[in-house]
């Protein structure tokens, strides 16, 4: 993966689905073992090819899915679960035609019927909610008809009772699967709402900081110009006063809070901001190395704030979570590069790392403080590369050209132009 690409973290719904597929696979093995006596007894009733197909399609698919559930694509898990559910229904419907010539009648329940609840669970994984309930109803009817066809007495009460019991048990299983999947979706919705709130709060804080800087400069710049104008001999200093006022207007245009991208920081100011970010993280012995190849570049204040906050969060996360189990000292490095094309920041440690696939919901610092915060900025990118016992590397970058292209369409009219046309 490219360092400038955002790392995708799996949703709660996806993680819940993987756990359910694994659980269904384990449950299918238990059901098969419990019904092994019936499977052996009824093997001689069935056509050999049909029996083998039943073992492979019905008994083998769920355990295989359980083995690959943690890494396989979600689409594959859904499709394979759908194949299992449809195959189970077809096997149930073809059970009676597949009986051998020597079979007469029996009171034994087909082993497939005893374990068909596994198929209703895979149907709940593969199909929409209404589709899973329709599937459950069809399976109950087919199972009842098959049970009736295998009886010589012609008494329908037993097949009806079996179908009702199967339906009730399957309703419980399907409901549990669907409720669990729904809880995963609700967690995702809650997380999205929290991210949106955090973004709104971050934007508000950035705007307030810009307004404060604007107000401070306005006060100092205007007072300085007024003092120069009111000084003795001010008429002789007309050119100097005019130049001072012109520079003040230019700076006010840069700091104007009407557009978040209007405030720009020099390389010196940006380096000072990064230093404050390290201090905010209580970095201590962690050193910050900065190289500047083009001191003329300027960085938008919202981008600088976002990069600084992400840097602080990355260092703070490393200090809190990177320590190793055996107490080995963790090496941490923070490097920043300012070039004519933009900014690159790398935060690296050789600590214990963590699994990005199974990142906990409480790690909002990674989700929002780093990835969401930076990737929402024009021209900025953030990514995290980590693995258990492999350390963690955080990449932060900003591209000046991409930022310019993204913001040029909404560029405001400079204050100096407004003043000039008002004269």
Foldseek 3Di string as FASTA:
>chain_A
DDQQAADDEDFLLLVLLLVLLLVLLVVLVVLCVVCVVLLVVCCLFFDVVLSVLCCCLARPQSVVCNVCSLPDDLVVLLVSLVSSLVSLLVSLLCVVVGTDPPQDADQDQRSSLSSNLSNLLSCLSRDPPVRSLVSLVSSLVSSLVVNCVRHPVNDSPVSVVSSVVSSVVSVVNSVVNNVSSVVSVVRRVVLVVVLVVVLVVLVVVLLVVLVVVLVVLCVVLVVVLVCLCPDPPSVVVVVVSVVSVVVSLVQSLQSPSVDQQSPKAFPVRLVVLLVVLCVVLVLPPADEAEEEPDRPDIHGSLLSVLVSQLSSLVSNCCVVPFQEPVRDDKDWHWYWYHYPFWIKIKIWIQGQWDDSHPDDPVPVCCVRSFQVSQVVAFQKGWYKDTDGSRTIMIMIIGTPVRNCVVCVVPDDDRPVVVVVVVD
